[in-house]
Amino acid sequence: MSQPTPLDAQELRGLLALLDEPHDHEQDHSHDHHTRHHWSVTGITPRAAQLTRVTGTLDDPHFEEWLLPNTAIRLELPFQPPELHGIAGAPTTASRVYTVADADPASRTISVDFVVHEGDSPAMLWLRQAQIGDSVEVWEPSQHRLPHIASDHVLIADPTGLPAAISVIRGLDLPGRVRLLTQVPEDQVPDLPGVEVQRVDGTLIDAFLALDLSMVDSVWAAAESSEVRPIRQHCRRVLNLGKEATQVYGYWRRGTSNTQIDIDRLRLLRDVIAHGGDQSDLERRMEEEL
């Protein structure tokens, strides 16, 4: 794996400025994604051996957008990522994307599920010391991609993508056949009536190819980038599914921090804008390079 290009203060300022400039590459213009709210912790609950749910109240008066299926948010965790150490003017928090696992308009709370793992990532450092009453900033919610509504759906998720898959299944009431392939321990999979759930111990692509795919007309996946890439390729080249019917996304990259992934994405956005590209160009480049 090649080493990432070092980041300096001047480049960082330019990349961060992209977040504040309106351009045609935004997937959703329905609200200002950069509005920050405070999320105050009201509960920390272990839900499985490697899964902890954190619940907290929001100060956003407009709660309806937090209720949509597959709502993604960015948490600003109070630990500076190593990639930003020593850079003048760099953010002092780590920005991390999570799916809203549950939202309750009555109590104005949202819940986020954290996969517990070893190491000192910003998320794990925060989770280990988090207490009732703690507060972190959270960005305005944004609904991530949903599966194409069809008759034979396959959803695929590793531990990072499972909250999104569950939110999609519960929020959309998908018609026809619905199958879920997931690389998580059995204690992390809730009861999903009407869904054929298959736990995967090997690779996701092997499990996917072992399915009867003859009638599949909608594939949605959220997992590690190198795991979902062959799934996307098989859908497009072998199953001849169109882009709308192939909603397949890499949520993380093995051996690469989430901060570095964010930097790489902003660099890619900068390059696409500089060459006059549009949203489709950005998505194609992200699929090819990230």
C-alpha atoms as a PDB file:
ATOM      1  CA  MET A   1       0.000   0.000   0.000  1.00  0.00           C
ATOM      2  CA  SER A   2       1.410   3.395  -0.987  1.00  0.00           C
ATOM      3  CA  GLN A   3       2.015   5.967   1.698  1.00  0.00           C
ATOM      4  CA  PRO A   4      -0.431   8.915   1.758  1.00  0.00           C
ATOM      5  CA  THR A   5       0.851  12.288   0.577  1.00  0.00           C
ATOM      6  CA  PRO A   6       1.737  14.454   3.606  1.00  0.00           C
ATOM      7  CA  LEU A   7      -0.740  17.191   4.460  1.00  0.00           C
ATOM      8  CA  ASP A   8       0.353  20.740   5.267  1.00  0.00           C
ATOM      9  CA  ALA A   9      -1.517  23.736   6.663  1.00  0.00           C
ATOM     10  CA  GLN A  10      -2.095  25.413   3.300  1.00  0.00           C
ATOM     11  CA  GLU A  11      -3.568  22.309   1.676  1.00  0.00           C
ATOM     12  CA  LEU A  12      -5.692  21.581   4.744  1.00  0.00           C
ATOM     13  CA  ARG A  13      -7.209  25.075   4.625  1.00  0.00           C
ATOM     14  CA  GLY A  14      -8.080  24.569   0.974  1.00  0.00           C
ATOM     15  CA  LEU A  15      -9.661  21.171   1.578  1.00  0.00           C
ATOM     16  CA  LEU A  16     -11.704  22.398   4.532  1.00  0.00           C
ATOM     17  CA  ALA A  17     -12.903  25.346   2.443  1.00  0.00           C
ATOM     18  CA  LEU A  18     -14.539  22.853   0.073  1.00  0.00           C
ATOM     19  CA  LEU A  19     -16.931  21.949   2.878  1.00  0.00           C
ATOM     20  CA  ASP A  20     -18.191  25.528   3.085  1.00  0.00           C
ATOM     21  CA  GLU A  21     -18.491  26.269  -0.624  1.00  0.00           C
ATOM     22  CA  PRO A  22     -21.737  25.463  -2.475  1.00  0.00           C
ATOM     23  CA  HIS A  23     -21.123  23.316  -5.543  1.00  0.00           C
ATOM     24  CA  ASP A  24     -22.938  20.860  -7.765  1.00  0.00           C
ATOM     25  CA  HIS A  25     -21.448  17.792  -6.116  1.00  0.00           C
ATOM     26  CA  GLU A  26     -23.672  17.877  -3.045  1.00  0.00           C
ATOM     27  CA  GLN A  27     -25.975  14.848  -3.020  1.00  0.00           C
ATOM     28  CA  ASP A  28     -28.656  16.645  -1.024  1.00  0.00           C
ATOM     29  CA  HIS A  29     -29.395  20.361  -0.951  1.00  0.00           C
ATOM     30  CA  SER A  30     -32.412  20.102   1.370  1.00  0.00           C
ATOM     31  CA  HIS A  31     -30.586  21.706   4.280  1.00  0.00           C
ATOM     32  CA  ASP A  32     -27.249  23.017   5.470  1.00  0.00           C
ATOM     33  CA  HIS A  33     -25.138  19.936   6.213  1.00  0.00           C
ATOM     34  CA  HIS A  34     -22.658  22.041   8.171  1.00  0.00           C
ATOM     35  CA  THR A  35     -25.020  23.173  10.911  1.00  0.00           C
ATOM     36  CA  ARG A  36     -23.822  21.719  14.209  1.00  0.00           C
ATOM     37  CA  HIS A  37     -26.001  20.502  17.062  1.00  0.00           C
ATOM     38  CA  HIS A  38     -25.182  19.238  20.535  1.00  0.00           C
ATOM     39  CA  TRP A  39     -25.770  15.587  21.367  1.00  0.00           C
ATOM     40  CA  SER A  40     -25.873  15.058  25.153  1.00  0.00           C
ATOM     41  CA  VAL A  41     -25.393  11.502  26.366  1.00  0.00           C
ATOM     42  CA  THR A  42     -28.289  10.015  28.352  1.00  0.00           C
ATOM     43  CA  GLY A  43     -27.471   6.320  28.114  1.00  0.00           C
ATOM     44  CA  ILE A  44     -24.609   3.913  27.368  1.00  0.00           C
ATOM     45  CA  THR A  45     -25.805   0.336  26.889  1.00  0.00           C
ATOM     46  CA  PRO A  46     -23.830  -2.783  25.894  1.00  0.00           C
ATOM     47  CA  ARG A  47     -26.007  -4.592  23.340  1.00  0.00           C
ATOM     48  CA  ALA A  48     -23.660  -7.436  22.453  1.00  0.00           C
ATOM     49  CA  ALA A  49     -20.142  -8.595  23.231  1.00  0.00           C
ATOM     50  CA  GLN A  50     -18.695  -6.140  20.694  1.00  0.00           C
ATOM     51  CA  LEU A  51     -21.492  -3.599  20.357  1.00  0.00           C
ATOM     52  CA  THR A  52     -22.343  -0.603  22.535  1.00  0.00           C
ATOM     53  CA  ARG A  53     -25.268   1.760  21.997  1.00  0.00           C
ATOM     54  CA  VAL A  54     -24.955   5.401  23.028  1.00  0.00           C
ATOM     55  CA  THR A  55     -28.164   7.417  23.331  1.00  0.00           C
ATOM     56  CA  GLY A  56     -28.403  11.166  23.710  1.00  0.00           C
ATOM     57  CA  THR A  57     -30.702  14.156  23.385  1.00  0.00           C
ATOM     58  CA  LEU A  58     -30.462  16.638  20.522  1.00  0.00           C
ATOM     59  CA  ASP A  59     -30.957  20.388  20.591  1.00  0.00           C
ATOM     60  CA  ASP A  60     -32.301  20.425  17.005  1.00  0.00           C
ATOM     61  CA  PRO A  61     -35.899  21.757  16.912  1.00  0.00           C
ATOM     62  CA  HIS A  62     -36.432  20.093  13.519  1.00  0.00           C
ATOM     63  CA  PHE A  63     -36.408  16.417  14.444  1.00  0.00           C
ATOM     64  CA  GLU A  64     -38.201  14.904  11.453  1.00  0.00           C
ATOM     65  CA  GLU A  65     -35.031  14.524   9.345  1.00  0.00           C
ATOM     66  CA  TRP A  66     -33.440  12.357  12.033  1.00  0.00           C
ATOM     67  CA  LEU A  67     -36.228   9.779  11.551  1.00  0.00           C
ATOM     68  CA  LEU A  68     -35.515   8.895   7.913  1.00  0.00           C
ATOM     69  CA  PRO A  69     -34.151   5.440   6.993  1.00  0.00           C
ATOM     70  CA  ASN A  70     -30.363   5.239   6.731  1.00  0.00           C
ATOM     71  CA  THR A  71     -29.692   8.653   8.222  1.00  0.00           C
ATOM     72  CA  ALA A  72     -25.971   9.371   8.492  1.00  0.00           C
ATOM     73  CA  ILE A  73     -24.397  11.855  10.892  1.00  0.00           C
ATOM     74  CA  ARG A  74     -20.925  13.123  11.703  1.00  0.00           C
ATOM     75  CA  LEU A  75     -19.804  13.188  15.301  1.00  0.00           C
ATOM     76  CA  GLU A  76     -17.001  15.530  16.326  1.00  0.00           C
ATOM     77  CA  LEU A  77     -15.106  13.461  18.886  1.00  0.00           C
ATOM     78  CA  PRO A  78     -12.764  15.350  21.252  1.00  0.00           C
ATOM     79  CA  PHE A  79      -9.513  13.726  20.121  1.00  0.00           C
ATOM     80  CA  GLN A  80      -7.308  15.164  17.391  1.00  0.00           C
ATOM     81  CA  PRO A  81      -6.414  12.558  14.745  1.00  0.00           C
ATOM     82  CA  PRO A  82      -2.680  11.811  14.402  1.00  0.00           C
ATOM     83  CA  GLU A  83      -2.822  12.940  10.753  1.00  0.00           C
ATOM     84  CA  LEU A  84      -3.509  16.497  11.947  1.00  0.00           C
ATOM     85  CA  HIS A  85      -0.917  16.676  14.731  1.00  0.00           C
ATOM     86  CA  GLY A  86       1.402  19.641  14.375  1.00  0.00           C
ATOM     87  CA  ILE A  87      -0.541  21.343  11.574  1.00  0.00           C
ATOM     88  CA  ALA A  88      -1.327  24.970  12.397  1.00  0.00           C
ATOM     89  CA  GLY A  89      -5.044  25.701  12.430  1.00  0.00           C
ATOM     90  CA  ALA A  90      -6.044  22.056  12.129  1.00  0.00           C
ATOM     91  CA  PRO A  91      -9.307  20.873  13.721  1.00  0.00           C
ATOM     92  CA  THR A  92      -8.831  19.557  17.244  1.00  0.00           C
ATOM     93  CA  THR A  93     -11.608  16.974  16.931  1.00  0.00           C
ATOM     94  CA  ALA A  94     -11.957  13.774  14.940  1.00  0.00           C
ATOM     95  CA  SER A  95     -14.913  13.752  12.562  1.00  0.00           C
ATOM     96  CA  ARG A  96     -16.523  10.323  12.279  1.00  0.00           C
ATOM     97  CA  VAL A  97     -19.593   9.178  10.326  1.00  0.00           C
ATOM     98  CA  TYR A  98     -22.211   6.925  11.924  1.00  0.00           C
ATOM     99  CA  THR A  99     -25.718   5.750  11.133  1.00  0.00           C
ATOM    100  CA  VAL A 100     -28.589   6.733  13.402  1.00  0.00           C
ATOM    101  CA  ALA A 101     -29.607   3.368  14.850  1.00  0.00           C
ATOM    102  CA  ASP A 102     -32.751   4.681  16.526  1.00  0.00           C
ATOM    103  CA  ALA A 103     -34.538   8.010  16.894  1.00  0.00           C
ATOM    104  CA  ASP A 104     -37.310   8.861  19.342  1.00  0.00           C
ATOM    105  CA  PRO A 105     -39.191  12.104  18.653  1.00  0.00           C
ATOM    106  CA  ALA A 106     -40.958  11.966  22.029  1.00  0.00           C
ATOM    107  CA  SER A 107     -37.709  12.181  23.992  1.00  0.00           C
ATOM    108  CA  ARG A 108     -35.811  13.911  21.156  1.00  0.00           C
ATOM    109  CA  THR A 109     -33.058  11.337  21.405  1.00  0.00           C
ATOM    110  CA  ILE A 110     -31.011   9.475  18.834  1.00  0.00           C
ATOM    111  CA  SER A 111     -28.945   6.342  19.365  1.00  0.00           C
ATOM    112  CA  VAL A 112     -25.696   5.321  17.700  1.00  0.00           C
ATOM    113  CA  ASP A 113     -24.228   1.813  17.772  1.00  0.00           C
ATOM    114  CA  PHE A 114     -20.445   1.590  18.182  1.00  0.00           C
ATOM    115  CA  VAL A 115     -18.588  -1.566  17.168  1.00  0.00           C
ATOM    116  CA  VAL A 116     -16.139  -2.142  20.029  1.00  0.00           C
ATOM    117  CA  HIS A 117     -12.603  -3.017  18.931  1.00  0.00           C
ATOM    118  CA  GLU A 118      -9.036  -2.860  20.179  1.00  0.00           C
ATOM    119  CA  GLY A 119      -6.760   0.088  19.617  1.00  0.00           C
ATOM    120  CA  ASP A 120      -6.841   3.783  20.396  1.00  0.00           C
ATOM    121  CA  SER A 121      -8.915   5.213  17.586  1.00  0.00           C
ATOM    122  CA  PRO A 122     -10.697   8.488  18.435  1.00  0.00           C
ATOM    123  CA  ALA A 123     -14.017   6.639  18.629  1.00  0.00           C
ATOM    124  CA  MET A 124     -12.713   4.017  21.039  1.00  0.00           C
ATOM    125  CA  LEU A 125     -10.925   6.611  23.184  1.00  0.00           C
ATOM    126  CA  TRP A 126     -14.161   8.567  23.481  1.00  0.00           C
ATOM    127  CA  LEU A 127     -16.343   5.517  24.097  1.00  0.00           C
ATOM    128  CA  ARG A 128     -14.113   4.246  26.927  1.00  0.00           C
ATOM    129  CA  GLN A 129     -14.407   7.487  28.867  1.00  0.00           C
ATOM    130  CA  ALA A 130     -17.914   8.623  27.841  1.00  0.00           C
ATOM    131  CA  GLN A 131     -20.295   9.367  30.725  1.00  0.00           C
ATOM    132  CA  ILE A 132     -23.897  10.428  31.141  1.00  0.00           C
ATOM    133  CA  GLY A 133     -24.079  14.184  30.591  1.00  0.00           C
ATOM    134  CA  ASP A 134     -21.158  14.378  28.166  1.00  0.00           C
ATOM    135  CA  SER A 135     -21.861  16.339  25.003  1.00  0.00           C
ATOM    136  CA  VAL A 136     -20.361  16.245  21.515  1.00  0.00           C
ATOM    137  CA  GLU A 137     -21.125  18.206  18.381  1.00  0.00           C
ATOM    138  CA  VAL A 138     -23.007  16.441  15.610  1.00  0.00           C
ATOM    139  CA  TRP A 139     -23.502  17.632  12.051  1.00  0.00           C
ATOM    140  CA  GLU A 140     -26.887  18.049  10.423  1.00  0.00           C
ATOM    141  CA  PRO A 141     -28.256  14.623   9.352  1.00  0.00           C
ATOM    142  CA  SER A 142     -28.038  13.408   5.773  1.00  0.00           C
ATOM    143  CA  GLN A 143     -29.904  10.441   4.352  1.00  0.00           C
ATOM    144  CA  HIS A 144     -27.482   8.039   2.691  1.00  0.00           C
ATOM    145  CA  ARG A 145     -28.296   5.915  -0.340  1.00  0.00           C
ATOM    146  CA  LEU A 146     -31.237   3.519  -0.237  1.00  0.00           C
ATOM    147  CA  PRO A 147     -31.706   0.280  -2.176  1.00  0.00           C
ATOM    148  CA  HIS A 148     -33.636   0.299  -5.415  1.00  0.00           C
ATOM    149  CA  ILE A 149     -37.194  -0.834  -4.684  1.00  0.00           C
ATOM    150  CA  ALA A 150     -37.681  -4.034  -6.673  1.00  0.00           C
ATOM    151  CA  SER A 151     -38.850  -7.628  -6.175  1.00  0.00           C
ATOM    152  CA  ASP A 152     -35.706  -9.557  -5.152  1.00  0.00           C
ATOM    153  CA  HIS A 153     -33.411  -7.585  -2.842  1.00  0.00           C
ATOM    154  CA  VAL A 154     -30.012  -8.582  -1.463  1.00  0.00           C
ATOM    155  CA  LEU A 155     -28.495  -6.442   1.297  1.00  0.00           C
ATOM    156  CA  ILE A 156     -24.900  -7.001   2.403  1.00  0.00           C
ATOM    157  CA  ALA A 157     -23.182  -5.561   5.467  1.00  0.00           C
ATOM    158  CA  ASP A 158     -20.171  -6.002   7.705  1.00  0.00           C
ATOM    159  CA  PRO A 159     -20.305  -4.729  11.323  1.00  0.00           C
ATOM    160  CA  THR A 160     -19.872  -1.096  10.228  1.00  0.00           C
ATOM    161  CA  GLY A 161     -22.696  -1.343   7.710  1.00  0.00           C
ATOM    162  CA  LEU A 162     -25.183  -3.369   9.749  1.00  0.00           C
ATOM    163  CA  PRO A 163     -26.861  -0.376  11.486  1.00  0.00           C
ATOM    164  CA  ALA A 164     -27.550   1.110   8.052  1.00  0.00           C
ATOM    165  CA  ALA A 165     -28.887  -2.199   6.724  1.00  0.00           C
ATOM    166  CA  ILE A 166     -31.210  -2.575   9.708  1.00  0.00           C
ATOM    167  CA  SER A 167     -32.405   1.014   9.332  1.00  0.00           C
ATOM    168  CA  VAL A 168     -33.135   0.409   5.639  1.00  0.00           C
ATOM    169  CA  ILE A 169     -35.022  -2.826   6.292  1.00  0.00           C
ATOM    170  CA  ARG A 170     -37.109  -1.406   9.112  1.00  0.00           C
ATOM    171  CA  GLY A 171     -37.719   1.948   7.472  1.00  0.00           C
ATOM    172  CA  LEU A 172     -38.587   0.957   3.912  1.00  0.00           C
ATOM    173  CA  ASP A 173     -40.689  -2.211   4.267  1.00  0.00           C
ATOM    174  CA  LEU A 174     -39.130  -3.602   1.080  1.00  0.00           C
ATOM    175  CA  PRO A 175     -41.538  -5.638  -1.062  1.00  0.00           C
ATOM    176  CA  GLY A 176     -40.880  -9.124  -2.394  1.00  0.00           C
ATOM    177  CA  ARG A 177     -37.901 -11.182  -1.313  1.00  0.00           C
ATOM    178  CA  VAL A 178     -35.337  -9.640   1.037  1.00  0.00           C
ATOM    179  CA  ARG A 179     -32.056 -11.339   1.940  1.00  0.00           C
ATOM    180  CA  LEU A 180     -29.382 -10.008   4.291  1.00  0.00           C
ATOM    181  CA  LEU A 181     -25.781 -11.231   4.299  1.00  0.00           C
ATOM    182  CA  THR A 182     -23.840  -9.997   7.296  1.00  0.00           C
ATOM    183  CA  GLN A 183     -20.400 -10.572   8.811  1.00  0.00           C
ATOM    184  CA  VAL A 184     -21.365 -10.062  12.441  1.00  0.00           C
ATOM    185  CA  PRO A 185     -21.774 -12.294  15.496  1.00  0.00           C
ATOM    186  CA  GLU A 186     -25.235 -13.741  15.962  1.00  0.00           C
ATOM    187  CA  ASP A 187     -25.883 -11.597  19.043  1.00  0.00           C
ATOM    188  CA  GLN A 188     -25.678  -8.413  16.930  1.00  0.00           C
ATOM    189  CA  VAL A 189     -28.482  -9.336  14.524  1.00  0.00           C
ATOM    190  CA  PRO A 190     -31.960  -8.333  15.744  1.00  0.00           C
ATOM    191  CA  ASP A 191     -35.171 -10.063  14.776  1.00  0.00           C
ATOM    192  CA  LEU A 192     -36.105  -8.953  11.257  1.00  0.00           C
ATOM    193  CA  PRO A 193     -39.454 -10.525  10.331  1.00  0.00           C
ATOM    194  CA  GLY A 194     -39.743 -11.519   6.693  1.00  0.00           C
ATOM    195  CA  VAL A 195     -36.009 -11.175   6.021  1.00  0.00           C
ATOM    196  CA  GLU A 196     -33.779 -14.152   5.176  1.00  0.00           C
ATOM    197  CA  VAL A 197     -30.700 -13.501   7.311  1.00  0.00           C
ATOM    198  CA  GLN A 198     -27.464 -15.344   6.599  1.00  0.00           C
ATOM    199  CA  ARG A 199     -24.400 -14.884   8.765  1.00  0.00           C
ATOM    200  CA  VAL A 200     -21.143 -14.932   6.836  1.00  0.00           C
ATOM    201  CA  ASP A 201     -17.890 -16.297   8.245  1.00  0.00           C
ATOM    202  CA  GLY A 202     -15.866 -15.981   5.040  1.00  0.00           C
ATOM    203  CA  THR A 203     -15.723 -13.222   2.466  1.00  0.00           C
ATOM    204  CA  LEU A 204     -18.808 -11.316   1.426  1.00  0.00           C
ATOM    205  CA  ILE A 205     -18.185 -11.894  -2.285  1.00  0.00           C
ATOM    206  CA  ASP A 206     -18.037 -15.675  -1.813  1.00  0.00           C
ATOM    207  CA  ALA A 207     -21.272 -15.629   0.173  1.00  0.00           C
ATOM    208  CA  PHE A 208     -22.893 -13.398  -2.440  1.00  0.00           C
ATOM    209  CA  LEU A 209     -21.873 -15.620  -5.357  1.00  0.00           C
ATOM    210  CA  ALA A 210     -23.180 -18.688  -3.502  1.00  0.00           C
ATOM    211  CA  LEU A 211     -26.705 -17.233  -3.545  1.00  0.00           C
ATOM    212  CA  ASP A 212     -29.288 -17.885  -6.219  1.00  0.00           C
ATOM    213  CA  LEU A 213     -28.966 -14.585  -8.056  1.00  0.00           C
ATOM    214  CA  SER A 214     -31.116 -15.470 -11.060  1.00  0.00           C
ATOM    215  CA  MET A 215     -33.953 -13.129 -10.084  1.00  0.00           C
ATOM    216  CA  VAL A 216     -32.042 -10.477  -8.128  1.00  0.00           C
ATOM    217  CA  ASP A 217     -32.925  -6.970  -9.254  1.00  0.00           C
ATOM    218  CA  SER A 218     -31.618  -4.858  -6.355  1.00  0.00           C
ATOM    219  CA  VAL A 219     -28.309  -5.067  -4.474  1.00  0.00           C
ATOM    220  CA  TRP A 220     -27.297  -2.792  -1.598  1.00  0.00           C
ATOM    221  CA  ALA A 221     -24.036  -3.192   0.309  1.00  0.00           C
ATOM    222  CA  ALA A 222     -22.080  -1.359   3.001  1.00  0.00           C
ATOM    223  CA  ALA A 223     -18.760  -2.810   4.120  1.00  0.00           C
ATOM    224  CA  GLU A 224     -14.981  -2.550   3.735  1.00  0.00           C
ATOM    225  CA  SER A 225     -14.003  -1.143   0.331  1.00  0.00           C
ATOM    226  CA  SER A 226     -12.013  -4.104  -0.990  1.00  0.00           C
ATOM    227  CA  GLU A 227     -14.843  -6.456   0.015  1.00  0.00           C
ATOM    228  CA  VAL A 228     -17.592  -4.575  -1.805  1.00  0.00           C
ATOM    229  CA  ARG A 229     -15.646  -3.763  -4.976  1.00  0.00           C
ATOM    230  CA  PRO A 230     -15.960  -7.273  -6.512  1.00  0.00           C
ATOM    231  CA  ILE A 231     -19.637  -7.322  -5.528  1.00  0.00           C
ATOM    232  CA  ARG A 232     -20.230  -4.089  -7.430  1.00  0.00           C
ATOM    233  CA  GLN A 233     -18.297  -5.404 -10.435  1.00  0.00           C
ATOM    234  CA  HIS A 234     -20.277  -8.656 -10.509  1.00  0.00           C
ATOM    235  CA  CYS A 235     -23.566  -6.775 -10.319  1.00  0.00           C
ATOM    236  CA  ARG A 236     -22.657  -4.469 -13.194  1.00  0.00           C
ATOM    237  CA  ARG A 237     -20.757  -6.851 -15.482  1.00  0.00           C
ATOM    238  CA  VAL A 238     -22.401 -10.234 -14.876  1.00  0.00           C
ATOM    239  CA  LEU A 239     -25.874  -9.532 -13.526  1.00  0.00           C
ATOM    240  CA  ASN A 240     -26.195  -6.484 -15.806  1.00  0.00           C
ATOM    241  CA  LEU A 241     -27.780  -4.423 -13.053  1.00  0.00           C
ATOM    242  CA  GLY A 242     -27.853  -0.702 -13.640  1.00  0.00           C
ATOM    243  CA  LYS A 243     -26.324   1.890 -11.346  1.00  0.00           C
ATOM    244  CA  GLU A 244     -29.623   2.594  -9.594  1.00  0.00           C
ATOM    245  CA  ALA A 245     -30.070  -1.100  -8.784  1.00  0.00           C
ATOM    246  CA  THR A 246     -26.462  -1.419  -7.534  1.00  0.00           C
ATOM    247  CA  GLN A 247     -26.136   0.669  -4.389  1.00  0.00           C
ATOM    248  CA  VAL A 248     -22.782  -0.657  -3.145  1.00  0.00           C
ATOM    249  CA  TYR A 249     -20.520   1.443  -0.915  1.00  0.00           C
ATOM    250  CA  GLY A 250     -17.218   1.111   0.891  1.00  0.00           C
ATOM    251  CA  TYR A 251     -17.650   2.371   4.461  1.00  0.00           C
ATOM    252  CA  TRP A 252     -13.986   2.023   5.408  1.00  0.00           C
ATOM    253  CA  ARG A 253     -10.627   0.928   4.021  1.00  0.00           C
ATOM    254  CA  ARG A 254      -8.487  -1.724   5.647  1.00  0.00           C
ATOM    255  CA  GLY A 255      -5.201  -0.266   6.903  1.00  0.00           C
ATOM    256  CA  THR A 256      -6.364   3.344   6.456  1.00  0.00           C
ATOM    257  CA  SER A 257      -7.763   5.636   9.133  1.00  0.00           C
ATOM    258  CA  ASN A 258     -11.109   7.339   8.640  1.00  0.00           C
ATOM    259  CA  THR A 259      -9.357  10.699   8.803  1.00  0.00           C
ATOM    260  CA  GLN A 260      -7.096   9.723   5.906  1.00  0.00           C
ATOM    261  CA  ILE A 261     -10.149   8.509   3.969  1.00  0.00           C
ATOM    262  CA  ASP A 262     -11.796  11.912   4.495  1.00  0.00           C
ATOM    263  CA  ILE A 263      -8.626  13.646   3.287  1.00  0.00           C
ATOM    264  CA  ASP A 264      -8.487  11.410   0.209  1.00  0.00           C
ATOM    265  CA  ARG A 265     -12.144  12.109  -0.579  1.00  0.00           C
ATOM    266  CA  LEU A 266     -11.653  15.869  -0.298  1.00  0.00           C
ATOM    267  CA  ARG A 267      -8.595  15.682  -2.537  1.00  0.00           C
ATOM    268  CA  LEU A 268     -10.648  13.753  -5.068  1.00  0.00           C
ATOM    269  CA  LEU A 269     -13.465  16.308  -4.874  1.00  0.00           C
ATOM    270  CA  ARG A 270     -10.941  19.112  -5.407  1.00  0.00           C
ATOM    271  CA  ASP A 271      -9.585  17.363  -8.487  1.00  0.00           C
ATOM    272  CA  VAL A 272     -13.025  16.704  -9.968  1.00  0.00           C
ATOM    273  CA  ILE A 273     -14.053  20.350  -9.481  1.00  0.00           C
ATOM    274  CA  ALA A 274     -10.783  21.572 -11.010  1.00  0.00           C
ATOM    275  CA  HIS A 275     -11.456  19.502 -14.138  1.00  0.00           C
ATOM    276  CA  GLY A 276     -15.076  20.613 -14.466  1.00  0.00           C
ATOM    277  CA  GLY A 277     -16.528  17.265 -13.446  1.00  0.00           C
ATOM    278  CA  ASP A 278     -19.965  16.631 -12.009  1.00  0.00           C
ATOM    279  CA  GLN A 279     -21.521  14.323  -9.407  1.00  0.00           C
ATOM    280  CA  SER A 280     -21.336  11.288 -11.688  1.00  0.00           C
ATOM    281  CA  ASP A 281     -17.616  11.903 -12.267  1.00  0.00           C
ATOM    282  CA  LEU A 282     -17.034  12.135  -8.528  1.00  0.00           C
ATOM    283  CA  GLU A 283     -18.925   8.907  -7.840  1.00  0.00           C
ATOM    284  CA  ARG A 284     -17.078   7.070 -10.615  1.00  0.00           C
ATOM    285  CA  ARG A 285     -13.694   8.225  -9.335  1.00  0.00           C
ATOM    286  CA  MET A 286     -14.583   7.256  -5.778  1.00  0.00           C
ATOM    287  CA  GLU A 287     -15.590   3.769  -6.914  1.00  0.00           C
ATOM    288  CA  GLU A 288     -12.367   3.361  -8.892  1.00  0.00           C
ATOM    289  CA  GLU A 289      -9.874   4.889  -6.476  1.00  0.00           C
ATOM    290  CA  LEU A 290     -11.317   4.644  -2.969  1.00  0.00           C
END
